[in-house]
Amino acid sequence: MTDSKAFFEKIMNELEPLKEVVYFEPLSEEEVVELEKEWNTQLKPIVREFLLHLGFIQDVVKALSMDKESVEEDIRWLKDFQLTFR
């Protein structure tokens, strides 16, 4: 198990008792793979695991407000300045 995966497994175990009051919509592996193809990039493991466990729509990290379009725009900006994910 990767460090990122273990990190999120621990978080998910801690969230289990709160599942009635904490909302998140994890993405499937297929959805993440499709995003990587669509955006022509390979996401860092920590970002992949975040999406696989919590998704774009979540209220676990209140300060983090993101959606597919804003993440795509950020990735495009990074690529424009040749700042790649890996």
Protein backbone atom coordinates (compact mmCIF):
# COMPACT_ATOMS: atom_id res chain seq x y z
CA MET A 1 0.00 0.00 0.00
CA THR A 2 1.35 3.42 -0.93
CA ASP A 3 1.83 6.17 1.65
CA SER A 4 -0.96 8.19 0.02
CA LYS A 5 -3.35 5.27 0.05
CA ALA A 6 -2.54 4.46 3.68
CA PHE A 7 -3.04 8.11 4.62
CA PHE A 8 -6.52 8.19 3.11
CA GLU A 9 -7.45 4.78 4.51
CA LYS A 10 -6.71 6.19 7.97
CA ILE A 11 -8.84 9.27 7.26
CA MET A 12 -11.70 7.16 5.98
CA ASN A 13 -11.60 4.99 9.13
CA GLU A 14 -11.82 8.16 11.23
CA LEU A 15 -14.73 9.45 9.13
CA GLU A 16 -16.71 6.22 9.39
CA PRO A 17 -18.48 7.17 12.66
CA LEU A 18 -19.36 10.56 11.12
CA LYS A 19 -20.78 9.26 7.84
CA GLU A 20 -24.26 10.56 8.66
CA VAL A 21 -23.04 14.18 8.94
CA VAL A 22 -20.01 14.35 6.64
CA TYR A 23 -20.66 14.41 2.89
CA PHE A 24 -18.36 13.32 0.07
CA GLU A 25 -18.70 11.80 -3.40
CA PRO A 26 -15.65 9.69 -4.25
CA LEU A 27 -14.73 9.19 -7.88
CA SER A 28 -14.17 5.73 -9.31
CA GLU A 29 -10.79 4.62 -10.65
CA GLU A 30 -12.29 4.79 -14.14
CA GLU A 31 -13.38 8.40 -13.60
CA VAL A 32 -9.91 9.39 -12.39
CA VAL A 33 -8.26 7.64 -15.34
CA GLU A 34 -10.66 9.46 -17.69
CA LEU A 35 -9.78 12.80 -16.08
CA GLU A 36 -6.07 12.11 -16.56
CA LYS A 37 -6.69 11.31 -20.23
CA GLU A 38 -8.94 14.35 -20.71
CA TRP A 39 -6.42 16.65 -19.02
CA ASN A 40 -3.42 14.89 -20.61
CA THR A 41 -1.63 14.59 -17.28
CA GLN A 42 -0.81 12.11 -14.57
CA LEU A 43 -2.05 13.21 -11.16
CA LYS A 44 0.21 12.90 -8.14
CA PRO A 45 -0.68 9.94 -5.93
CA ILE A 46 -1.98 12.16 -3.11
CA VAL A 47 -4.35 13.96 -5.53
CA ARG A 48 -5.52 10.65 -7.03
CA GLU A 49 -6.24 9.21 -3.59
CA PHE A 50 -8.08 12.37 -2.54
CA LEU A 51 -10.36 12.06 -5.57
CA LEU A 52 -10.78 8.29 -5.11
CA HIS A 53 -11.73 8.64 -1.45
CA LEU A 54 -13.46 12.03 -1.21
CA GLY A 55 -13.99 13.39 -4.73
CA PHE A 56 -14.59 16.95 -5.89
CA ILE A 57 -17.82 17.34 -3.94
CA GLN A 58 -16.98 17.00 -0.26
CA ASP A 59 -17.31 18.80 3.03
CA VAL A 60 -14.42 17.10 4.81
CA VAL A 61 -11.92 19.87 4.10
CA LYS A 62 -14.05 23.00 4.50
CA ALA A 63 -11.33 25.36 3.25
CA LEU A 64 -10.99 23.35 0.04
CA SER A 65 -13.62 24.25 -2.50
CA MET A 66 -12.96 22.70 -5.87
CA ASP A 67 -14.72 21.33 -8.85
CA LYS A 68 -13.63 19.60 -12.02
CA GLU A 69 -13.54 22.83 -14.02
CA SER A 70 -11.39 24.77 -11.55
CA VAL A 71 -8.91 21.90 -11.19
CA GLU A 72 -8.71 21.57 -14.97
CA GLU A 73 -8.03 25.32 -15.25
CA ASP A 74 -5.27 25.07 -12.62
CA ILE A 75 -3.64 22.17 -14.47
CA ARG A 76 -3.81 24.09 -17.74
CA TRP A 77 -2.13 27.08 -16.04
CA LEU A 78 0.64 24.85 -14.65
CA LYS A 79 1.24 23.32 -18.07
CA ASP A 80 1.35 26.75 -19.72
CA PHE A 81 4.23 27.61 -17.42
CA GLN A 82 5.78 24.15 -17.84
CA LEU A 83 5.18 23.26 -14.20
CA THR A 84 4.14 19.64 -14.48
CA PHE A 85 2.78 17.27 -11.89
CA ARG A 86 5.57 14.72 -12.31
